[in-house]
Structures are given as structure tokens and as C-alpha cells.
Amino acid sequence: MRKSILSMLSILLLSAHLAYGENPVQPASSKTTPSASPIHQAEKTPSGPFPAELQQQIVMPEVSTQVSLSSSDANRIVCSQEIKDVIFSSEKGVSVKAVGRNAFVKFRITRKDDREIYSTTPTELFVVCGESVYNLIAIPKRIPAQTVRLSPGTEKIRHNAAIYGSLPFEKKILAVIKAVYTGEIPEGFSARFVNRKLQLFKDLDLTLARIFRVEGEGLSIKEFSVSSRKVGEELKIREKDFLVEAVAVKPVGLALDRHTLKAGETARLIVVEQVVNQGREGGADGAQGEN
């Protein structure tokens, strides 16, 4: 069954350490002409800010976790239960407001000689959510507003460890792609419906449909629908056409269920991304950061 399902997909597996700037499909020299693709060039090279769905970080309880936050914009902390309290040092130049299941964090911006000076001082936040306490080390950076999700995590981590813990990395990627493609989603996945269009390509509509988190395994899976806007012409697409930061910062696997599209036809794109410092140790899941 595994082979019959996966044979329906074209899958591109990438090195686990792949990051933009090390992209093997980019030309080695500026004199090299990249292979032609009708969609490879975006209408405008995306450089952010990206949708909030692509900027989330995940934090587990009772573990000190570094998270990157915007030093210029308001950042959001989200919990599945009501946030009862946030303890922090106001002397560090940060303000926090808790409202229901959300808390909003803003670093103070000072002015000197008509210049704006942004905070670079890390600050520690203790967030009491439900019956759990989350310890965040907030690192201010010149990046867009960030979202930090507080995950209960424990049971899901154990469930995922039982399924994927002993698998080699490449087989783990294939297994999670298969799970999303067939709709047989394990209990240890966290799923969110997004349904948001990304305006990245000249002749394609790209819609982020769902995001899955494989808690404790350091993986995020994004499911996209891809449709052609080009009337009267068949459009060829490849997995590596979608190796752009607005789709995934650290992709380790991409899968397409078809490589040609006519106007009105739709393909499914599944992208597996390695999330930074998020695993059984409870680190942050950063889908976007400062390079």
C-alpha cells in the first residue's frame, strides 16, 4: 500500500541542513543561466513580511525556549486556554497585555538625535496558560511581527515518538507526506486550516490550505493547492519551482501529485519543513527568522 500511494506522487527529498543561500537548484555562478520554467520567476521576489501562518513558533511547557520576536511591531502569544498571567521585567523595555487566550508583546522604541533605536536586549517571559507555565526567552530582532503558539504538547510528543522515533530521517519525511496525502492524520499532529492565497507566481494561484505540526519531531507540513491562470496553454510545474522562502524556509521534502496543469486544473503540493530548535527538547518552531 505504501508504494502504491507514494507512486502517485512525485517527491523531492532535500538535505536536512538545506537553507536558503545553500539552495542546490540555484545557479552556481551569476553567469550561469537557470533552466527555463514558465513559472520559476515570481512576479516580485518575495522578501516578507510573509503571512502570519508562515511565521509561527511553537513553545512547549516547563522548558526554557528562545523565540525571535519583532523589535518594531507587536507580537502575539497564543494559548489553547486562557492566559492567566504573564510575568516579566518591565525594566527590560517591554510591555505585555493579556486578553483571553492571547498576549501581545511590544518592545519599547526609543529616540535619540532624531533616530529610532530598537531594543536588542533579550527578556524573559513566564506565561501562565491553563495549568502550565511557559518560559520564553524573547530575542528582539528587526523582523516582521511574530506569532508564538503555546502547545500542551506532552501526549502528542509521546504519540509521534512511538510512530516516527525509530525511522530514518528520509523515511520519516515520506511517512508524513503519505499521512497528509491520504488524509490519515495521526493523533500526534496539530492541524490548522488556513485557506490563504499567496501571490508569488505570474501564472499560478497558490493557496495555503492547511498546516500540520508533528509535535516533538521538528517537522511542519504545509498543504497547498496549485492552479493555473494561463488560458489556452498547458503549464508545466516542478517541485523545485516552489523552493522560495515564502513557501518554506528550511524545506526537507516536497511532493506534487501532477506536473502539468491547464487553466482551471488543480494540483496538490505538500511541503515538509524542518523547524528550528523544535523537538523533544521543547525548542522553538520558527518558520521565519532573521538571517
Protein backbone atom coordinates (compact mmCIF):
# COMPACT_ATOMS: atom_id res chain seq x y z
CA MET A 1 0.00 0.00 0.00
CA ARG A 2 2.83 2.36 0.82
CA LYS A 3 4.37 2.03 -2.64
CA SER A 4 1.04 2.42 -4.45
CA ILE A 5 0.23 5.65 -2.57
CA LEU A 6 3.68 7.18 -2.89
CA SER A 7 3.94 6.20 -6.56
CA MET A 8 1.08 8.63 -7.21
CA LEU A 9 3.29 11.46 -6.01
CA SER A 10 6.49 12.96 -7.35
CA ILE A 11 8.65 13.61 -4.28
CA LEU A 12 11.76 15.77 -4.00
CA LEU A 13 13.79 14.97 -0.88
CA LEU A 14 16.31 17.58 0.23
CA SER A 15 19.23 17.53 2.61
CA ALA A 16 18.18 18.08 6.22
CA HIS A 17 20.55 21.04 6.51
CA LEU A 18 19.17 22.84 3.45
CA ALA A 19 18.65 26.56 3.96
CA TYR A 20 18.29 29.39 1.51
CA GLY A 21 21.68 30.53 0.45
CA GLU A 22 22.65 26.83 0.17
CA ASN A 23 19.95 26.03 -2.37
CA PRO A 24 21.25 23.36 -4.76
CA VAL A 25 18.87 24.37 -7.56
CA GLN A 26 20.23 27.91 -7.75
CA PRO A 27 22.95 28.63 -10.33
CA ALA A 28 26.49 28.21 -9.03
CA SER A 29 27.60 31.40 -10.75
CA SER A 30 25.85 34.60 -11.73
CA LYS A 31 26.98 33.86 -15.30
CA THR A 32 25.03 30.59 -15.34
CA THR A 33 21.58 30.74 -16.88
CA PRO A 34 18.99 28.81 -14.83
CA SER A 35 16.93 26.18 -16.61
CA ALA A 36 13.78 27.59 -18.12
CA SER A 37 10.49 27.17 -16.31
CA PRO A 38 7.29 29.03 -17.17
CA ILE A 39 6.57 29.77 -13.51
CA HIS A 40 10.03 29.85 -11.95
CA GLN A 41 10.18 33.62 -11.85
CA ALA A 42 7.85 35.24 -9.36
CA GLU A 43 6.15 38.48 -10.24
CA LYS A 44 8.24 40.02 -7.48
CA THR A 45 10.86 38.28 -5.38
CA PRO A 46 9.17 37.68 -2.01
CA SER A 47 11.13 39.07 0.91
CA GLY A 48 8.42 39.42 3.54
CA PRO A 49 6.59 40.27 5.56
CA PHE A 50 5.06 36.85 4.97
CA PRO A 51 1.59 35.76 6.16
CA ALA A 52 1.37 35.19 9.92
CA GLU A 53 0.69 31.50 9.27
CA LEU A 54 4.26 31.17 7.98
CA GLN A 55 5.84 32.96 10.94
CA GLN A 56 4.64 30.87 13.87
CA GLN A 57 6.91 29.48 16.56
CA ILE A 58 5.96 26.64 18.89
CA VAL A 59 6.82 26.50 22.60
CA MET A 60 6.35 23.58 24.99
CA PRO A 61 5.68 23.98 28.75
CA GLU A 62 8.30 23.90 31.52
CA VAL A 63 11.24 24.29 29.12
CA SER A 64 13.23 27.49 28.68
CA THR A 65 12.83 28.33 24.97
CA GLN A 66 14.34 31.09 22.85
CA VAL A 67 11.90 32.80 20.48
CA SER A 68 12.62 35.53 17.94
CA LEU A 69 10.25 38.49 18.22
CA SER A 70 9.92 41.69 16.25
CA SER A 71 11.62 44.66 17.89
CA SER A 72 9.43 47.10 15.95
CA ASP A 73 5.95 45.53 15.79
CA ALA A 74 3.51 43.97 18.25
CA ASN A 75 3.99 40.21 18.63
CA ARG A 76 1.31 37.69 19.58
CA ILE A 77 1.41 34.75 22.00
CA VAL A 78 -1.46 32.27 21.58
CA CYS A 79 -2.58 29.56 24.00
CA SER A 80 -5.31 26.92 23.71
CA GLN A 81 -6.62 28.04 27.12
CA GLU A 82 -6.96 31.40 28.85
CA ILE A 83 -3.69 33.12 29.68
CA LYS A 84 -3.93 33.76 33.41
CA ASP A 85 -0.79 35.85 33.84
CA VAL A 86 2.46 36.96 32.20
CA ILE A 87 5.43 37.70 34.46
CA PHE A 88 8.25 39.81 33.05
CA SER A 89 10.67 42.59 33.92
CA SER A 90 9.36 45.95 32.76
CA GLU A 91 12.88 47.37 33.19
CA LYS A 92 13.87 45.50 30.01
CA GLY A 93 11.77 47.90 27.93
CA VAL A 94 8.94 45.54 27.05
CA SER A 95 5.17 45.81 27.53
CA VAL A 96 2.74 42.89 27.62
CA LYS A 97 -1.07 42.81 27.51
CA ALA A 98 -3.01 39.56 28.03
CA VAL A 99 -6.51 39.26 26.55
CA GLY A 100 -8.24 35.88 26.85
CA ARG A 101 -6.15 33.26 25.06
CA ASN A 102 -3.79 35.88 23.59
CA ALA A 103 -0.96 38.01 24.92
CA PHE A 104 0.63 40.83 22.96
CA VAL A 105 4.30 41.72 23.40
CA LYS A 106 5.82 45.03 22.29
CA PHE A 107 9.40 46.21 22.74
CA ARG A 108 9.92 49.88 23.51
CA ILE A 109 11.38 52.03 20.73
CA THR A 110 13.45 54.99 21.93
CA ARG A 111 14.57 58.09 20.06
CA LYS A 112 18.00 59.70 20.09
CA ASP A 113 19.10 62.55 17.85
CA ASP A 114 16.02 62.07 15.66
CA ARG A 115 16.86 58.38 15.23
CA GLU A 116 14.74 55.44 16.31
CA ILE A 117 16.64 52.92 18.43
CA TYR A 118 15.25 49.39 18.57
CA SER A 119 15.78 47.08 21.51
CA THR A 120 18.40 44.32 21.27
CA THR A 121 18.08 43.18 24.88
CA PRO A 122 16.65 39.67 25.44
CA THR A 123 13.93 39.46 28.06
CA GLU A 124 12.47 36.51 29.95
CA LEU A 125 8.71 35.95 29.96
CA PHE A 126 6.81 33.47 32.14
CA VAL A 127 3.37 32.80 30.68
CA VAL A 128 0.79 31.01 32.82
CA CYS A 129 -1.61 29.26 30.46
CA GLY A 130 -4.16 26.85 31.92
CA GLU A 131 -2.25 24.72 34.43
CA SER A 132 1.10 25.08 32.64
CA VAL A 133 3.91 27.63 32.82
CA TYR A 134 5.87 28.52 29.67
CA ASN A 135 9.33 30.06 29.94
CA LEU A 136 10.17 32.22 26.89
CA ILE A 137 13.48 33.97 26.25
CA ALA A 138 12.34 36.70 23.87
CA ILE A 139 15.07 37.85 21.47
CA PRO A 140 14.17 41.16 19.76
CA LYS A 141 15.12 41.31 16.06
CA ARG A 142 14.37 43.55 13.09
CA ILE A 143 11.85 41.13 11.60
CA PRO A 144 8.08 41.30 10.99
CA ALA A 145 5.58 40.65 13.78
CA GLN A 146 5.77 37.07 15.05
CA THR A 147 3.24 34.61 16.46
CA VAL A 148 4.24 32.21 19.24
CA ARG A 149 1.95 29.26 19.93
CA LEU A 150 1.98 27.64 23.36
CA SER A 151 1.44 23.92 22.90
CA PRO A 152 0.40 21.43 25.61
CA GLY A 153 2.45 19.01 23.57
CA THR A 154 3.24 16.18 26.01
CA GLU A 155 0.83 13.50 24.81
CA LYS A 156 1.35 14.39 21.15
CA ILE A 157 5.11 14.20 21.51
CA ARG A 158 4.86 10.71 23.03
CA HIS A 159 2.46 9.59 20.29
CA ASN A 160 4.71 10.86 17.49
CA ALA A 161 7.82 9.38 19.12
CA ALA A 162 6.17 5.97 19.10
CA ILE A 163 5.39 6.23 15.36
CA TYR A 164 8.39 8.12 13.96
CA GLY A 165 11.10 7.98 16.62
CA SER A 166 12.91 4.94 15.19
CA LEU A 167 12.56 5.87 11.50
CA PRO A 168 15.50 7.17 9.44
CA PHE A 169 15.00 10.81 8.51
CA GLU A 170 14.11 10.23 4.84
CA LYS A 171 11.56 7.54 5.71
CA LYS A 172 10.06 9.87 8.30
CA ILE A 173 9.56 12.53 5.61
CA LEU A 174 7.91 10.00 3.28
CA ALA A 175 5.66 8.80 6.11
CA VAL A 176 4.34 12.27 6.99
CA ILE A 177 3.80 13.11 3.30
CA LYS A 178 1.78 9.92 2.95
CA ALA A 179 -0.26 10.73 6.07
CA VAL A 180 -1.28 14.16 4.73
CA TYR A 181 -1.87 12.95 1.18
CA THR A 182 -4.17 10.11 2.25
CA GLY A 183 -5.88 12.10 4.99
CA GLU A 184 -4.90 9.51 7.60
CA ILE A 185 -3.66 12.10 10.10
CA PRO A 186 -2.11 10.66 13.31
CA GLU A 187 -3.38 11.93 16.68
CA GLY A 188 0.03 13.46 17.35
CA PHE A 189 -0.35 16.02 14.54
CA SER A 190 -1.63 19.52 15.25
CA ALA A 191 -3.68 20.80 12.31
CA ARG A 192 -4.87 24.28 11.34
CA PHE A 193 -7.00 25.28 8.38
CA VAL A 194 -5.65 28.41 6.70
CA ASN A 195 -7.11 28.81 3.18
CA ARG A 196 -4.95 31.79 2.24
CA LYS A 197 -3.71 32.72 -1.23
CA LEU A 198 -0.06 33.62 -1.72
CA GLN A 199 0.59 35.95 -4.65
CA LEU A 200 4.01 34.64 -5.68
CA PHE A 201 3.89 33.44 -9.28
CA LYS A 202 2.89 35.01 -12.55
CA ASP A 203 0.76 32.19 -13.94
CA LEU A 204 -0.23 30.25 -10.82
CA ASP A 205 -2.67 30.58 -7.96
CA LEU A 206 -1.05 29.13 -4.84
CA THR A 207 -3.29 28.61 -1.80
CA LEU A 208 -2.02 27.51 1.60
CA ALA A 209 -4.79 25.15 2.71
CA ARG A 210 -3.57 23.55 5.94
CA ILE A 211 -0.56 23.47 8.24
CA PHE A 212 0.33 20.41 10.30
CA ARG A 213 2.86 20.26 13.14
CA VAL A 214 4.47 16.95 14.02
CA GLU A 215 4.98 17.77 17.69
CA GLY A 216 8.33 16.65 19.05
CA GLU A 217 9.78 15.64 15.67
CA GLY A 218 10.86 19.07 14.46
CA LEU A 219 8.68 18.93 11.33
CA SER A 220 5.95 21.10 9.86
CA ILE A 221 3.85 20.09 6.84
CA LYS A 222 2.14 22.65 4.62
CA GLU A 223 -0.52 21.59 2.16
CA PHE A 224 -1.11 23.85 -0.84
CA SER A 225 -3.43 23.79 -3.82
CA VAL A 226 -1.89 24.94 -7.10
CA SER A 227 -3.95 26.05 -10.10
CA SER A 228 -3.10 27.59 -13.44
CA ARG A 229 -4.24 31.01 -14.60
CA LYS A 230 -2.81 30.55 -18.08
CA VAL A 231 -5.64 30.17 -20.59
CA GLY A 232 -5.13 28.04 -23.69
CA GLU A 233 -1.75 26.63 -22.70
CA GLU A 234 -0.61 23.69 -20.60
CA LEU A 235 1.67 24.74 -17.76
CA LYS A 236 4.49 22.53 -16.53
CA ILE A 237 5.41 22.69 -12.84
CA ARG A 238 8.19 21.10 -10.79
CA GLU A 239 8.81 20.68 -7.08
CA LYS A 240 11.86 22.93 -7.18
CA ASP A 241 9.79 25.78 -8.62
CA PHE A 242 8.43 26.17 -5.08
CA LEU A 243 11.80 26.47 -3.34
CA VAL A 244 11.17 30.04 -2.24
CA GLU A 245 11.24 31.40 1.30
CA ALA A 246 7.59 32.42 1.29
CA VAL A 247 6.70 28.73 0.90
CA ALA A 248 9.25 27.25 3.32
CA VAL A 249 12.48 28.45 4.90
CA LYS A 250 14.01 25.04 5.63
CA PRO A 251 12.31 22.55 3.29
CA VAL A 252 13.33 18.90 3.51
CA GLY A 253 10.75 17.38 1.17
CA LEU A 254 8.25 18.49 -1.49
CA ALA A 255 5.64 16.41 -3.26
CA LEU A 256 3.36 17.15 -6.24
CA ASP A 257 0.57 14.88 -7.46
CA ARG A 258 0.80 16.23 -11.03
CA HIS A 259 3.27 18.17 -13.16
CA THR A 260 1.07 19.65 -15.89
CA LEU A 261 -1.86 22.00 -15.45
CA LYS A 262 -4.41 23.50 -17.79
CA ALA A 263 -6.50 26.52 -16.82
CA GLY A 264 -8.88 25.54 -14.05
CA GLU A 265 -7.00 22.36 -13.10
CA THR A 266 -5.59 21.95 -9.60
CA ALA A 267 -2.58 20.10 -8.19
CA ARG A 268 -1.75 19.34 -4.56
CA LEU A 269 1.62 20.44 -3.21
CA ILE A 270 2.85 19.05 0.12
CA VAL A 271 5.89 20.71 1.68
CA VAL A 272 7.73 19.26 4.68
CA GLU A 273 9.79 21.80 6.55
CA GLN A 274 12.32 21.36 9.32
CA VAL A 275 11.53 23.74 12.17
CA VAL A 276 14.44 25.24 14.07
CA ASN A 277 15.20 24.02 17.60
CA GLN A 278 11.82 22.37 18.00
CA GLY A 279 11.88 18.80 19.11
CA ARG A 280 11.66 16.64 22.18
CA GLU A 281 13.75 19.26 23.95
CA GLY A 282 10.88 21.74 23.50
CA GLY A 283 12.65 24.36 21.40
CA ALA A 284 11.09 26.99 19.20
CA ASP A 285 9.44 26.26 15.89
CA GLY A 286 10.48 29.21 13.74
CA ALA A 287 9.16 29.35 10.24
CA GLN A 288 10.79 32.67 9.65
CA GLY A 289 13.74 34.34 11.24
CA GLU A 290 16.47 36.83 10.67
CA ASN A 291 19.36 35.57 8.56
